[in-house]
Amino acid sequence: MSSHEHESTPGARRFRRPLAVAVLTGALAALSLVVPSTANAAAQAWECSSGDVCVWNATNGTGSRCAWTNADPDWWSGSIQCSWSDTQNARSAYNRGTSSSYAGVAFYSGANYTGYLGCLSQNGGFDNDFNVRIRSHRWVSSC
């Protein structure tokens, strides 16, 4: 019996319809996982991994985020680039650094740590309205 003849039997049709329904149900369930819920959106504010310093282009730890574990001498063209930082101010920042060697993160308006802007204390230091154009940062032993 060819595969064409087998597909045309009534038993094959009954099997394929439930299979198609199951596949469609699974696909719809997968799509529902992609749609963000209000609870998930709220939980993402101030999301910053332990050991990182994070900055956002909006207040309250929202908007586009850039994060680093190490110092970066040039956010615009360094190894880790913050895509929006050359045209937008950082509006909020969170220092989740954990190293006992550093007390904070110093931020600079220029590349290669020039134009000191200020320091954000380690272990949860945050600023909700930073509102500065930053181009580089480094971990420092004192703020």
N, C-alpha and C. Protein backbone atom coordinates (compact mmCIF):
# COMPACT_ATOMS: atom_id res chain seq x y z
N MET A 1 0.85 -1.16 0.00
CA MET A 1 0.00 0.00 0.00
C MET A 1 0.90 1.23 0.00
N SER A 2 0.60 2.17 -0.88
CA SER A 2 1.41 3.39 -0.92
C SER A 2 1.02 4.30 0.23
N SER A 3 1.85 5.28 0.51
CA SER A 3 1.54 6.20 1.60
C SER A 3 0.31 7.01 1.28
N HIS A 4 0.05 7.27 -0.01
CA HIS A 4 -1.13 8.02 -0.40
C HIS A 4 -2.40 7.24 -0.08
N GLU A 5 -2.38 5.95 -0.35
CA GLU A 5 -3.54 5.12 -0.05
C GLU A 5 -3.77 5.05 1.45
N HIS A 6 -2.70 4.96 2.23
CA HIS A 6 -2.83 4.88 3.68
C HIS A 6 -3.45 6.16 4.25
N GLU A 7 -3.08 7.32 3.75
CA GLU A 7 -3.60 8.59 4.26
C GLU A 7 -5.08 8.75 3.96
N SER A 8 -5.57 8.09 2.94
CA SER A 8 -6.97 8.28 2.59
C SER A 8 -7.91 7.37 3.36
N THR A 9 -7.41 6.49 4.18
CA THR A 9 -8.29 5.61 4.95
C THR A 9 -8.94 6.40 6.07
N PRO A 10 -10.17 6.05 6.47
CA PRO A 10 -10.86 6.78 7.52
C PRO A 10 -10.10 6.81 8.84
N GLY A 11 -9.40 5.75 9.19
CA GLY A 11 -8.64 5.72 10.44
C GLY A 11 -7.53 6.75 10.46
N ALA A 12 -6.90 6.94 9.32
CA ALA A 12 -5.81 7.92 9.24
C ALA A 12 -6.36 9.33 9.42
N ARG A 13 -7.50 9.62 8.87
CA ARG A 13 -8.08 10.95 9.01
C ARG A 13 -8.43 11.24 10.47
N ARG A 14 -9.00 10.27 11.14
CA ARG A 14 -9.34 10.48 12.54
C ARG A 14 -8.09 10.72 13.38
N PHE A 15 -7.01 10.06 13.04
CA PHE A 15 -5.76 10.24 13.79
C PHE A 15 -5.16 11.61 13.51
N ARG A 16 -5.19 12.05 12.27
CA ARG A 16 -4.56 13.31 11.90
C ARG A 16 -5.30 14.51 12.48
N ARG A 17 -6.61 14.47 12.57
CA ARG A 17 -7.35 15.62 13.09
C ARG A 17 -7.01 15.88 14.55
N PRO A 18 -7.04 14.89 15.45
CA PRO A 18 -6.64 15.15 16.83
C PRO A 18 -5.18 15.60 16.92
N LEU A 19 -4.34 15.04 16.05
CA LEU A 19 -2.93 15.45 16.05
C LEU A 19 -2.82 16.92 15.66
N ALA A 20 -3.56 17.34 14.64
CA ALA A 20 -3.53 18.73 14.20
C ALA A 20 -4.04 19.65 15.31
N VAL A 21 -5.09 19.25 16.00
CA VAL A 21 -5.63 20.03 17.10
C VAL A 21 -4.60 20.15 18.22
N ALA A 22 -3.93 19.05 18.52
CA ALA A 22 -2.91 19.06 19.57
C ALA A 22 -1.75 19.98 19.20
N VAL A 23 -1.31 19.93 17.94
CA VAL A 23 -0.22 20.80 17.48
C VAL A 23 -0.65 22.26 17.56
N LEU A 24 -1.86 22.57 17.09
CA LEU A 24 -2.36 23.94 17.14
C LEU A 24 -2.49 24.43 18.57
N THR A 25 -3.00 23.60 19.45
CA THR A 25 -3.12 23.97 20.86
C THR A 25 -1.75 24.25 21.47
N GLY A 26 -0.78 23.41 21.15
CA GLY A 26 0.58 23.62 21.65
C GLY A 26 1.18 24.90 21.12
N ALA A 27 0.95 25.20 19.86
CA ALA A 27 1.48 26.44 19.26
C ALA A 27 0.85 27.66 19.92
N LEU A 28 -0.45 27.63 20.15
CA LEU A 28 -1.12 28.76 20.81
C LEU A 28 -0.62 28.92 22.24
N ALA A 29 -0.39 27.83 22.93
CA ALA A 29 0.14 27.91 24.30
C ALA A 29 1.53 28.52 24.29
N ALA A 30 2.35 28.15 23.31
CA ALA A 30 3.70 28.71 23.21
C ALA A 30 3.63 30.21 22.93
N LEU A 31 2.71 30.63 22.07
CA LEU A 31 2.57 32.06 21.79
C LEU A 31 2.14 32.84 23.02
N SER A 32 1.30 32.26 23.85
CA SER A 32 0.86 32.97 25.05
C SER A 32 2.01 33.19 26.02
N LEU A 33 3.05 32.36 25.94
CA LEU A 33 4.21 32.56 26.80
C LEU A 33 5.05 33.74 26.35
N VAL A 34 4.95 34.12 25.08
CA VAL A 34 5.75 35.21 24.53
C VAL A 34 5.17 36.57 24.93
N VAL A 35 3.86 36.65 25.08
CA VAL A 35 3.22 37.91 25.40
C VAL A 35 3.51 38.27 26.86
N PRO A 36 4.16 39.45 27.10
CA PRO A 36 4.49 39.81 28.49
C PRO A 36 3.23 40.18 29.27
N SER A 37 3.21 39.81 30.49
CA SER A 37 2.08 40.18 31.33
C SER A 37 2.47 41.40 32.16
N THR A 38 1.49 42.04 32.75
CA THR A 38 1.74 43.22 33.57
C THR A 38 2.63 42.87 34.75
N ALA A 39 2.43 41.71 35.34
CA ALA A 39 3.25 41.30 36.49
C ALA A 39 4.71 41.14 36.08
N ASN A 40 4.96 40.56 34.91
CA ASN A 40 6.34 40.41 34.46
C ASN A 40 6.99 41.74 34.16
N ALA A 41 6.26 42.67 33.57
CA ALA A 41 6.83 43.98 33.24
C ALA A 41 7.24 44.71 34.52
N ALA A 42 6.41 44.64 35.55
CA ALA A 42 6.74 45.31 36.81
C ALA A 42 7.93 44.65 37.49
N ALA A 43 8.04 43.35 37.38
CA ALA A 43 9.13 42.63 38.03
C ALA A 43 10.48 42.95 37.39
N GLN A 44 10.50 43.44 36.15
CA GLN A 44 11.73 43.72 35.45
C GLN A 44 12.35 45.06 35.84
N ALA A 45 11.62 45.95 36.47
CA ALA A 45 12.20 47.23 36.90
C ALA A 45 13.34 46.96 37.87
N TRP A 46 14.41 47.68 37.72
CA TRP A 46 15.63 47.57 38.53
C TRP A 46 16.29 46.21 38.39
N GLU A 47 15.98 45.44 37.35
CA GLU A 47 16.62 44.13 37.16
C GLU A 47 18.09 44.35 36.82
N CYS A 48 18.96 43.84 37.67
CA CYS A 48 20.41 44.00 37.50
C CYS A 48 21.07 42.83 38.23
N SER A 49 21.86 42.06 37.51
CA SER A 49 22.48 40.87 38.08
C SER A 49 23.48 41.21 39.18
N SER A 50 23.58 40.36 40.16
CA SER A 50 24.55 40.53 41.24
C SER A 50 25.96 40.62 40.64
N GLY A 51 26.71 41.61 41.08
CA GLY A 51 28.06 41.84 40.59
C GLY A 51 28.15 42.88 39.48
N ASP A 52 27.02 43.29 38.94
CA ASP A 52 26.99 44.25 37.83
C ASP A 52 26.69 45.67 38.28
N VAL A 53 27.02 46.60 37.41
CA VAL A 53 26.50 47.96 37.50
C VAL A 53 25.59 48.12 36.28
N CYS A 54 24.41 48.67 36.49
CA CYS A 54 23.42 48.80 35.42
C CYS A 54 22.95 50.24 35.32
N VAL A 55 22.69 50.69 34.12
CA VAL A 55 22.11 52.02 33.89
C VAL A 55 20.95 51.87 32.91
N TRP A 56 19.96 52.75 33.06
CA TRP A 56 18.78 52.76 32.20
C TRP A 56 18.57 54.16 31.64
N ASN A 57 17.88 54.25 30.52
CA ASN A 57 17.58 55.54 29.93
C ASN A 57 16.24 56.11 30.40
N ALA A 58 15.65 55.51 31.42
CA ALA A 58 14.41 56.01 32.02
C ALA A 58 14.52 55.89 33.55
N THR A 59 13.67 56.60 34.26
CA THR A 59 13.69 56.56 35.72
C THR A 59 13.15 55.22 36.23
N ASN A 60 13.36 54.98 37.50
CA ASN A 60 12.86 53.80 38.19
C ASN A 60 13.37 52.48 37.62
N GLY A 61 14.58 52.47 37.08
CA GLY A 61 15.16 51.24 36.56
C GLY A 61 14.37 50.65 35.42
N THR A 62 13.82 51.51 34.56
CA THR A 62 13.03 51.04 33.41
C THR A 62 13.63 51.59 32.12
N GLY A 63 13.09 51.14 31.02
CA GLY A 63 13.59 51.58 29.71
C GLY A 63 14.70 50.65 29.25
N SER A 64 15.54 51.15 28.36
CA SER A 64 16.66 50.35 27.87
C SER A 64 17.75 50.30 28.92
N ARG A 65 18.33 49.11 29.09
CA ARG A 65 19.34 48.90 30.13
C ARG A 65 20.67 48.49 29.50
N CYS A 66 21.74 48.97 30.12
CA CYS A 66 23.09 48.51 29.80
C CYS A 66 23.71 48.04 31.11
N ALA A 67 24.47 46.95 31.06
CA ALA A 67 25.03 46.35 32.27
C ALA A 67 26.47 45.91 32.03
N TRP A 68 27.30 46.04 33.07
CA TRP A 68 28.69 45.63 33.00
C TRP A 68 29.10 44.94 34.30
N THR A 69 30.01 44.01 34.18
CA THR A 69 30.65 43.39 35.33
C THR A 69 31.99 44.06 35.60
N ASN A 70 32.62 44.58 34.55
CA ASN A 70 33.94 45.20 34.66
C ASN A 70 33.89 46.66 34.23
N ALA A 71 35.03 47.34 34.39
CA ALA A 71 35.17 48.72 33.93
C ALA A 71 35.04 48.77 32.41
N ASP A 72 34.65 49.93 31.88
CA ASP A 72 34.57 50.13 30.44
C ASP A 72 35.04 51.54 30.12
N PRO A 73 36.18 51.68 29.40
CA PRO A 73 36.72 53.00 29.10
C PRO A 73 35.96 53.74 28.00
N ASP A 74 35.07 53.08 27.28
CA ASP A 74 34.34 53.78 26.21
C ASP A 74 33.04 53.04 25.88
N TRP A 75 31.93 53.53 26.41
CA TRP A 75 30.64 52.90 26.19
C TRP A 75 30.22 52.95 24.72
N TRP A 76 30.74 53.91 23.96
CA TRP A 76 30.29 54.10 22.59
C TRP A 76 31.03 53.22 21.61
N SER A 77 32.27 52.87 21.91
CA SER A 77 33.01 52.05 20.94
C SER A 77 33.88 50.98 21.61
N GLY A 78 33.64 50.71 22.88
CA GLY A 78 34.40 49.70 23.60
C GLY A 78 33.92 48.29 23.30
N SER A 79 34.41 47.33 24.06
CA SER A 79 34.03 45.94 23.84
C SER A 79 32.56 45.69 24.18
N ILE A 80 32.02 46.42 25.15
CA ILE A 80 30.58 46.37 25.45
C ILE A 80 30.04 47.76 25.17
N GLN A 81 29.18 47.88 24.18
CA GLN A 81 28.65 49.19 23.81
C GLN A 81 27.24 49.37 24.33
N CYS A 82 27.00 50.55 24.85
CA CYS A 82 25.66 50.92 25.32
C CYS A 82 25.05 51.74 24.19
N SER A 83 24.20 51.10 23.39
CA SER A 83 23.73 51.65 22.12
C SER A 83 23.05 53.01 22.22
N TRP A 84 22.39 53.31 23.30
CA TRP A 84 21.65 54.56 23.41
C TRP A 84 22.43 55.65 24.13
N SER A 85 23.56 55.34 24.76
CA SER A 85 24.24 56.31 25.63
C SER A 85 24.90 57.48 24.90
N ASP A 86 25.11 57.37 23.60
CA ASP A 86 25.70 58.51 22.89
C ASP A 86 24.67 59.58 22.54
N THR A 87 23.38 59.25 22.62
CA THR A 87 22.34 60.22 22.30
C THR A 87 21.37 60.48 23.45
N GLN A 88 21.43 59.66 24.51
CA GLN A 88 20.48 59.81 25.62
C GLN A 88 21.22 59.78 26.95
N ASN A 89 20.66 60.49 27.92
CA ASN A 89 21.21 60.46 29.27
C ASN A 89 20.83 59.18 29.99
N ALA A 90 21.69 58.78 30.90
CA ALA A 90 21.34 57.70 31.83
C ALA A 90 20.44 58.35 32.88
N ARG A 91 19.26 57.80 33.09
CA ARG A 91 18.29 58.39 34.01
C ARG A 91 18.23 57.67 35.35
N SER A 92 18.63 56.41 35.39
CA SER A 92 18.70 55.68 36.65
C SER A 92 19.86 54.70 36.58
N ALA A 93 20.41 54.40 37.75
CA ALA A 93 21.57 53.50 37.82
C ALA A 93 21.50 52.69 39.11
N TYR A 94 22.09 51.49 39.06
CA TYR A 94 22.06 50.58 40.21
C TYR A 94 23.40 49.86 40.26
N ASN A 95 24.08 49.94 41.37
CA ASN A 95 25.37 49.27 41.55
C ASN A 95 25.14 48.04 42.43
N ARG A 96 25.22 46.87 41.81
CA ARG A 96 25.07 45.62 42.56
C ARG A 96 26.41 44.91 42.70
N GLY A 97 27.49 45.71 42.66
CA GLY A 97 28.82 45.16 42.82
C GLY A 97 28.96 44.44 44.15
N THR A 98 29.79 43.41 44.17
CA THR A 98 29.95 42.60 45.38
C THR A 98 31.40 42.43 45.81
N SER A 99 32.35 42.93 45.03
CA SER A 99 33.76 42.73 45.34
C SER A 99 34.17 43.54 46.57
N SER A 100 34.86 42.90 47.51
CA SER A 100 35.34 43.61 48.70
C SER A 100 36.49 44.57 48.36
N SER A 101 37.00 44.52 47.14
CA SER A 101 38.09 45.41 46.71
C SER A 101 37.59 46.79 46.30
N TYR A 102 36.30 46.95 46.09
CA TYR A 102 35.77 48.22 45.58
C TYR A 102 34.64 48.74 46.46
N ALA A 103 34.58 50.07 46.56
CA ALA A 103 33.51 50.71 47.32
C ALA A 103 32.41 51.24 46.42
N GLY A 104 32.71 51.41 45.14
CA GLY A 104 31.71 51.96 44.24
C GLY A 104 32.16 51.96 42.80
N VAL A 105 31.33 52.61 41.99
CA VAL A 105 31.60 52.78 40.57
C VAL A 105 31.62 54.27 40.28
N ALA A 106 32.71 54.73 39.66
CA ALA A 106 32.83 56.13 39.24
C ALA A 106 32.39 56.24 37.79
N PHE A 107 31.61 57.27 37.48
CA PHE A 107 31.12 57.51 36.12
C PHE A 107 31.78 58.75 35.54
N TYR A 108 31.99 58.74 34.22
CA TYR A 108 32.70 59.82 33.54
C TYR A 108 31.97 60.22 32.26
N SER A 109 32.04 61.50 31.93
CA SER A 109 31.39 62.00 30.71
C SER A 109 32.22 61.74 29.46
N GLY A 110 33.52 61.51 29.63
CA GLY A 110 34.40 61.26 28.49
C GLY A 110 34.95 59.86 28.47
N ALA A 111 35.52 59.50 27.32
CA ALA A 111 36.17 58.20 27.19
C ALA A 111 37.43 58.17 28.05
N ASN A 112 37.86 56.97 28.40
CA ASN A 112 39.09 56.75 29.17
C ASN A 112 39.08 57.46 30.53
N TYR A 113 37.91 57.48 31.15
CA TYR A 113 37.75 57.95 32.53
C TYR A 113 38.10 59.43 32.68
N THR A 114 37.63 60.25 31.76
CA THR A 114 37.81 61.70 31.87
C THR A 114 36.46 62.37 32.09
N GLY A 115 36.47 63.49 32.78
CA GLY A 115 35.23 64.21 33.06
C GLY A 115 34.42 63.55 34.16
N TYR A 116 35.00 63.43 35.34
CA TYR A 116 34.35 62.75 36.48
C TYR A 116 32.97 63.34 36.75
N LEU A 117 31.97 62.46 36.84
CA LEU A 117 30.59 62.87 37.10
C LEU A 117 30.16 62.56 38.52
N GLY A 118 30.66 61.49 39.09
CA GLY A 118 30.24 61.08 40.42
C GLY A 118 30.46 59.60 40.63
N CYS A 119 30.12 59.17 41.84
CA CYS A 119 30.35 57.79 42.24
C CYS A 119 29.08 57.22 42.85
N LEU A 120 28.83 55.97 42.58
CA LEU A 120 27.66 55.27 43.11
C LEU A 120 28.14 54.13 43.98
N SER A 121 27.76 54.16 45.24
CA SER A 121 28.21 53.17 46.21
C SER A 121 27.84 51.75 45.81
N GLN A 122 28.66 50.83 46.23
CA GLN A 122 28.47 49.41 45.95
C GLN A 122 27.40 48.81 46.87
N ASN A 123 27.06 47.56 46.57
CA ASN A 123 26.10 46.79 47.37
C ASN A 123 24.72 47.40 47.38
N GLY A 124 24.22 47.71 46.22
CA GLY A 124 22.84 48.16 46.14
C GLY A 124 22.67 49.66 46.02
N GLY A 125 23.76 50.41 45.86
CA GLY A 125 23.59 51.85 45.67
C GLY A 125 22.84 52.12 44.39
N PHE A 126 21.87 53.03 44.43
CA PHE A 126 21.13 53.37 43.22
C PHE A 126 20.77 54.84 43.21
N ASP A 127 20.52 55.34 42.05
CA ASP A 127 20.09 56.72 41.86
C ASP A 127 18.92 56.68 40.91
N ASN A 128 17.80 57.25 41.33
CA ASN A 128 16.59 57.16 40.55
C ASN A 128 16.49 58.25 39.49
N ASP A 129 17.26 59.31 39.59
CA ASP A 129 17.20 60.34 38.55
C ASP A 129 18.60 60.83 38.25
N PHE A 130 19.40 59.94 37.76
CA PHE A 130 20.79 60.20 37.44
C PHE A 130 20.89 61.36 36.45
N ASN A 131 20.24 61.25 35.29
CA ASN A 131 20.11 62.27 34.27
C ASN A 131 21.44 62.88 33.81
N VAL A 132 22.39 62.04 33.44
CA VAL A 132 23.68 62.49 32.92
C VAL A 132 24.09 61.66 31.71
N ARG A 133 24.86 62.28 30.83
CA ARG A 133 25.42 61.57 29.67
C ARG A 133 26.72 60.93 30.12
N ILE A 134 26.78 59.61 30.08
CA ILE A 134 27.95 58.86 30.56
C ILE A 134 28.63 58.21 29.37
N ARG A 135 29.97 58.20 29.41
CA ARG A 135 30.71 57.52 28.34
C ARG A 135 31.65 56.44 28.86
N SER A 136 32.02 56.50 30.14
CA SER A 136 32.90 55.47 30.70
C SER A 136 32.65 55.32 32.19
N HIS A 137 33.09 54.21 32.74
CA HIS A 137 32.97 53.97 34.19
C HIS A 137 34.07 53.01 34.62
N ARG A 138 34.35 53.04 35.91
CA ARG A 138 35.30 52.06 36.48
C ARG A 138 34.99 51.87 37.95
N TRP A 139 35.33 50.69 38.45
CA TRP A 139 35.17 50.36 39.85
C TRP A 139 36.28 51.06 40.62
N VAL A 140 35.95 51.66 41.76
CA VAL A 140 36.94 52.41 42.55
C VAL A 140 36.94 51.95 44.00
N SER A 141 38.07 52.17 44.67
CA SER A 141 38.20 51.71 46.05
C SER A 141 37.51 52.64 47.05
N SER A 142 37.21 53.87 46.67
CA SER A 142 36.46 54.76 47.56
C SER A 142 35.60 55.71 46.73
N CYS A 143 34.47 56.08 47.30
CA CYS A 143 33.59 57.05 46.65
C CYS A 143 33.75 58.41 47.29
